[in-house]
């Protein structure tokens, strides 16, 4: 499965970025809980809906570069972080990034990347449980087009 993702927060960011459709621009605010910089790029899968937080499914995007806010790119879901509050996170890799070209499953993700993501979440909240790519794909399909849009990219 390949999906389109939109980056909100670049890897290394210490603040949150959110699209404000009323203003037609990004707004920036302090993350209410995070202590450390993001260990990966963070964004969402357009055309999906997560009832737990009332917006699109969140995506943790592994890529060599820190991608600027607003970047749209193709990603491959490789795992899912199921969180106790229902605000699950799809773990995905940038399709065009040679460093992640062979990553297809959660077991393929570099251990250092998973450890950094886990540490970031554990600083301020319960981590949740990792699931493999199949679980991520099922969640994406179930969350697609609930808002009447055509669905997430080419998923």
C-alpha atoms as a PDB file:
ATOM      1  CA  UNK A   1       0.000   0.000   0.000  1.00  0.00           C
ATOM      2  CA  UNK A   2       1.251   3.467  -0.903  1.00  0.00           C
ATOM      3  CA  UNK A   3      -0.416   6.574   0.537  1.00  0.00           C
ATOM      4  CA  UNK A   4      -0.005  10.302   0.330  1.00  0.00           C
ATOM      5  CA  UNK A   5       1.076  12.024   3.542  1.00  0.00           C
ATOM      6  CA  UNK A   6       1.407  15.668   4.545  1.00  0.00           C
ATOM      7  CA  UNK A   7       4.153  16.715   6.959  1.00  0.00           C
ATOM      8  CA  UNK A   8       3.087  18.906   9.850  1.00  0.00           C
ATOM      9  CA  UNK A   9       6.177  18.737  12.052  1.00  0.00           C
ATOM     10  CA  UNK A  10       9.689  18.149  10.690  1.00  0.00           C
ATOM     11  CA  UNK A  11      11.991  15.753  12.495  1.00  0.00           C
ATOM     12  CA  UNK A  12      13.748  17.806  15.163  1.00  0.00           C
ATOM     13  CA  UNK A  13      10.873  20.276  15.653  1.00  0.00           C
ATOM     14  CA  UNK A  14       9.955  21.301  19.177  1.00  0.00           C
ATOM     15  CA  UNK A  15       6.667  22.979  18.314  1.00  0.00           C
ATOM     16  CA  UNK A  16       3.464  21.826  16.631  1.00  0.00           C
ATOM     17  CA  UNK A  17       2.247  22.942  13.222  1.00  0.00           C
ATOM     18  CA  UNK A  18      -1.402  22.647  12.195  1.00  0.00           C
ATOM     19  CA  UNK A  19      -3.195  23.590   9.007  1.00  0.00           C
ATOM     20  CA  UNK A  20      -5.856  26.228   9.614  1.00  0.00           C
ATOM     21  CA  UNK A  21      -8.384  25.937   6.766  1.00  0.00           C
ATOM     22  CA  UNK A  22     -10.164  29.142   7.787  1.00  0.00           C
ATOM     23  CA  UNK A  23      -6.943  31.154   7.388  1.00  0.00           C
ATOM     24  CA  UNK A  24      -5.520  29.046   4.570  1.00  0.00           C
ATOM     25  CA  UNK A  25      -2.168  28.792   6.313  1.00  0.00           C
ATOM     26  CA  UNK A  26      -0.200  26.889   8.923  1.00  0.00           C
ATOM     27  CA  UNK A  27      -0.305  27.932  12.552  1.00  0.00           C
ATOM     28  CA  UNK A  28       2.379  27.142  15.087  1.00  0.00           C
ATOM     29  CA  UNK A  29       1.999  26.470  18.778  1.00  0.00           C
ATOM     30  CA  UNK A  30       3.933  24.861  21.591  1.00  0.00           C
ATOM     31  CA  UNK A  31       3.327  21.130  21.909  1.00  0.00           C
ATOM     32  CA  UNK A  32       1.370  20.804  25.155  1.00  0.00           C
ATOM     33  CA  UNK A  33       3.295  17.756  26.416  1.00  0.00           C
ATOM     34  CA  UNK A  34       6.473  17.059  24.484  1.00  0.00           C
ATOM     35  CA  UNK A  35       9.835  17.640  26.101  1.00  0.00           C
ATOM     36  CA  UNK A  36      12.226  16.502  23.358  1.00  0.00           C
ATOM     37  CA  UNK A  37      12.301  17.287  19.622  1.00  0.00           C
ATOM     38  CA  UNK A  38      10.349  15.016  17.291  1.00  0.00           C
ATOM     39  CA  UNK A  39      12.442  11.914  16.489  1.00  0.00           C
ATOM     40  CA  UNK A  40      10.824  11.590  13.034  1.00  0.00           C
ATOM     41  CA  UNK A  41       8.717  13.653  10.657  1.00  0.00           C
ATOM     42  CA  UNK A  42       5.099  13.798  11.824  1.00  0.00           C
ATOM     43  CA  UNK A  43       2.005  14.441   9.770  1.00  0.00           C
ATOM     44  CA  UNK A  44      -1.261  12.995   8.549  1.00  0.00           C
ATOM     45  CA  UNK A  45      -2.872  10.953   5.781  1.00  0.00           C
ATOM     46  CA  UNK A  46      -5.287  13.230   3.896  1.00  0.00           C
ATOM     47  CA  UNK A  47      -8.710  11.823   3.165  1.00  0.00           C
ATOM     48  CA  UNK A  48      -8.845   9.753   6.357  1.00  0.00           C
ATOM     49  CA  UNK A  49     -10.772  10.381   9.567  1.00  0.00           C
ATOM     50  CA  UNK A  50      -9.864   9.497  13.141  1.00  0.00           C
ATOM     51  CA  UNK A  51     -12.871   9.896  15.454  1.00  0.00           C
ATOM     52  CA  UNK A  52     -10.586   9.846  18.517  1.00  0.00           C
ATOM     53  CA  UNK A  53      -9.293  13.337  17.761  1.00  0.00           C
ATOM     54  CA  UNK A  54     -11.618  14.552  15.002  1.00  0.00           C
ATOM     55  CA  UNK A  55      -9.095  14.862  12.193  1.00  0.00           C
ATOM     56  CA  UNK A  56      -7.063  12.762   9.753  1.00  0.00           C
ATOM     57  CA  UNK A  57      -5.042   9.726  10.802  1.00  0.00           C
ATOM     58  CA  UNK A  58      -1.647  10.694  12.189  1.00  0.00           C
ATOM     59  CA  UNK A  59       1.522   9.424  10.522  1.00  0.00           C
ATOM     60  CA  UNK A  60       5.039   9.117  11.865  1.00  0.00           C
ATOM     61  CA  UNK A  61       7.149   9.376   8.716  1.00  0.00           C
ATOM     62  CA  UNK A  62      10.647   7.935   8.591  1.00  0.00           C
ATOM     63  CA  UNK A  63      12.916   9.709   6.108  1.00  0.00           C
ATOM     64  CA  UNK A  64      16.570  10.628   5.989  1.00  0.00           C
ATOM     65  CA  UNK A  65      15.785  14.357   5.848  1.00  0.00           C
ATOM     66  CA  UNK A  66      13.788  16.575   8.153  1.00  0.00           C
ATOM     67  CA  UNK A  67      10.944  17.446   5.776  1.00  0.00           C
ATOM     68  CA  UNK A  68       9.486  20.973   5.843  1.00  0.00           C
ATOM     69  CA  UNK A  69       5.973  21.636   7.088  1.00  0.00           C
ATOM     70  CA  UNK A  70       3.500  21.253   4.225  1.00  0.00           C
ATOM     71  CA  UNK A  71       5.566  18.712   2.271  1.00  0.00           C
ATOM     72  CA  UNK A  72       3.357  16.186   0.476  1.00  0.00           C
ATOM     73  CA  UNK A  73       4.968  12.836  -0.216  1.00  0.00           C
ATOM     74  CA  UNK A  74       4.243   9.187  -0.934  1.00  0.00           C
ATOM     75  CA  UNK A  75       4.717   6.851   2.006  1.00  0.00           C
ATOM     76  CA  UNK A  76       4.488   3.124   2.670  1.00  0.00           C
ATOM     77  CA  UNK A  77       2.791   2.167   5.956  1.00  0.00           C
ATOM     78  CA  UNK A  78       4.984  -0.360   7.783  1.00  0.00           C
ATOM     79  CA  UNK A  79       3.437  -0.414  11.238  1.00  0.00           C
ATOM     80  CA  UNK A  80       0.886   1.005  13.602  1.00  0.00           C
ATOM     81  CA  UNK A  81       1.245   2.344  17.119  1.00  0.00           C
ATOM     82  CA  UNK A  82      -2.110   1.568  18.770  1.00  0.00           C
ATOM     83  CA  UNK A  83      -2.515   4.037  21.602  1.00  0.00           C
ATOM     84  CA  UNK A  84      -4.753   3.671  24.643  1.00  0.00           C
ATOM     85  CA  UNK A  85      -6.618   6.909  23.840  1.00  0.00           C
ATOM     86  CA  UNK A  86      -7.532   5.732  20.313  1.00  0.00           C
ATOM     87  CA  UNK A  87      -5.317   8.346  18.643  1.00  0.00           C
ATOM     88  CA  UNK A  88      -3.328   5.692  16.790  1.00  0.00           C
ATOM     89  CA  UNK A  89      -0.198   6.545  14.776  1.00  0.00           C
ATOM     90  CA  UNK A  90       0.598   4.998  11.393  1.00  0.00           C
ATOM     91  CA  UNK A  91       4.324   4.363  11.060  1.00  0.00           C
ATOM     92  CA  UNK A  92       5.358   4.931   7.443  1.00  0.00           C
ATOM     93  CA  UNK A  93       8.517   5.296   5.383  1.00  0.00           C
ATOM     94  CA  UNK A  94       9.145   7.768   2.580  1.00  0.00           C
ATOM     95  CA  UNK A  95       8.840   5.738  -0.636  1.00  0.00           C
ATOM     96  CA  UNK A  96      11.570   7.671  -2.476  1.00  0.00           C
ATOM     97  CA  UNK A  97      14.126   7.575   0.353  1.00  0.00           C
ATOM     98  CA  UNK A  98      16.916   5.067  -0.467  1.00  0.00           C
ATOM     99  CA  UNK A  99      17.681   4.564   3.227  1.00  0.00           C
ATOM    100  CA  UNK A 100      14.203   3.077   3.738  1.00  0.00           C
ATOM    101  CA  UNK A 101      13.766   1.388   0.336  1.00  0.00           C
ATOM    102  CA  UNK A 102      13.837  -2.124   1.781  1.00  0.00           C
ATOM    103  CA  UNK A 103      11.608  -1.372   4.781  1.00  0.00           C
ATOM    104  CA  UNK A 104       8.274  -3.111   4.257  1.00  0.00           C
ATOM    105  CA  UNK A 105       7.385  -4.402   7.732  1.00  0.00           C
ATOM    106  CA  UNK A 106       7.758  -3.283  11.304  1.00  0.00           C
ATOM    107  CA  UNK A 107      10.565  -5.830  11.772  1.00  0.00           C
ATOM    108  CA  UNK A 108      12.525  -4.045   8.997  1.00  0.00           C
ATOM    109  CA  UNK A 109      12.479  -0.667  10.765  1.00  0.00           C
ATOM    110  CA  UNK A 110      15.862   0.193  12.280  1.00  0.00           C
ATOM    111  CA  UNK A 111      15.763  -0.500  16.018  1.00  0.00           C
ATOM    112  CA  UNK A 112      17.211   2.947  16.741  1.00  0.00           C
ATOM    113  CA  UNK A 113      14.259   4.607  14.968  1.00  0.00           C
ATOM    114  CA  UNK A 114      11.716   2.611  16.980  1.00  0.00           C
ATOM    115  CA  UNK A 115      13.580   3.277  20.231  1.00  0.00           C
ATOM    116  CA  UNK A 116      13.624   7.038  19.558  1.00  0.00           C
ATOM    117  CA  UNK A 117       9.889   7.111  18.791  1.00  0.00           C
ATOM    118  CA  UNK A 118       9.085   5.055  21.888  1.00  0.00           C
ATOM    119  CA  UNK A 119      11.217   7.296  24.100  1.00  0.00           C
ATOM    120  CA  UNK A 120       9.527  10.419  22.723  1.00  0.00           C
ATOM    121  CA  UNK A 121       6.026   9.192  23.506  1.00  0.00           C
ATOM    122  CA  UNK A 122       6.993   7.793  26.909  1.00  0.00           C
ATOM    123  CA  UNK A 123       8.206  11.232  28.022  1.00  0.00           C
ATOM    124  CA  UNK A 124       4.620  12.420  28.286  1.00  0.00           C
ATOM    125  CA  UNK A 125       2.110   9.620  27.703  1.00  0.00           C
ATOM    126  CA  UNK A 126       1.462   5.896  27.575  1.00  0.00           C
ATOM    127  CA  UNK A 127       3.238   4.428  24.569  1.00  0.00           C
ATOM    128  CA  UNK A 128       0.756   1.879  23.280  1.00  0.00           C
ATOM    129  CA  UNK A 129       1.496  -1.306  21.346  1.00  0.00           C
ATOM    130  CA  UNK A 130       3.195  -1.750  17.965  1.00  0.00           C
ATOM    131  CA  UNK A 131       1.399  -3.695  15.224  1.00  0.00           C
ATOM    132  CA  UNK A 132       2.613  -4.671  11.761  1.00  0.00           C
ATOM    133  CA  UNK A 133       1.843  -3.196   8.329  1.00  0.00           C
ATOM    134  CA  UNK A 134      -1.307  -5.279   7.832  1.00  0.00           C
ATOM    135  CA  UNK A 135      -2.932  -3.698  10.871  1.00  0.00           C
ATOM    136  CA  UNK A 136      -1.940  -0.224   9.654  1.00  0.00           C
ATOM    137  CA  UNK A 137      -3.477  -0.916   6.229  1.00  0.00           C
ATOM    138  CA  UNK A 138      -6.737  -2.150   7.805  1.00  0.00           C
ATOM    139  CA  UNK A 139      -6.981   1.010   9.906  1.00  0.00           C
ATOM    140  CA  UNK A 140      -6.283   3.249   6.897  1.00  0.00           C
ATOM    141  CA  UNK A 141      -8.938   1.522   4.798  1.00  0.00           C
ATOM    142  CA  UNK A 142     -11.507   1.765   7.589  1.00  0.00           C
ATOM    143  CA  UNK A 143     -10.704   5.459   8.119  1.00  0.00           C
ATOM    144  CA  UNK A 144     -10.790   6.396   4.415  1.00  0.00           C
ATOM    145  CA  UNK A 145     -13.436   8.643   2.958  1.00  0.00           C
ATOM    146  CA  UNK A 146     -15.602   8.917   6.079  1.00  0.00           C
ATOM    147  CA  UNK A 147     -15.607  12.643   5.503  1.00  0.00           C
ATOM    148  CA  UNK A 148     -16.891  12.317   1.915  1.00  0.00           C
ATOM    149  CA  UNK A 149     -13.493  12.930   0.327  1.00  0.00           C
ATOM    150  CA  UNK A 150     -12.119  10.503  -2.267  1.00  0.00           C
ATOM    151  CA  UNK A 151      -9.825   8.849   0.262  1.00  0.00           C
ATOM    152  CA  UNK A 152      -6.111   8.868   1.034  1.00  0.00           C
ATOM    153  CA  UNK A 153      -3.914   9.242  -2.024  1.00  0.00           C
ATOM    154  CA  UNK A 154      -3.418   5.946  -3.806  1.00  0.00           C
ATOM    155  CA  UNK A 155      -4.215   3.809  -0.759  1.00  0.00           C
END
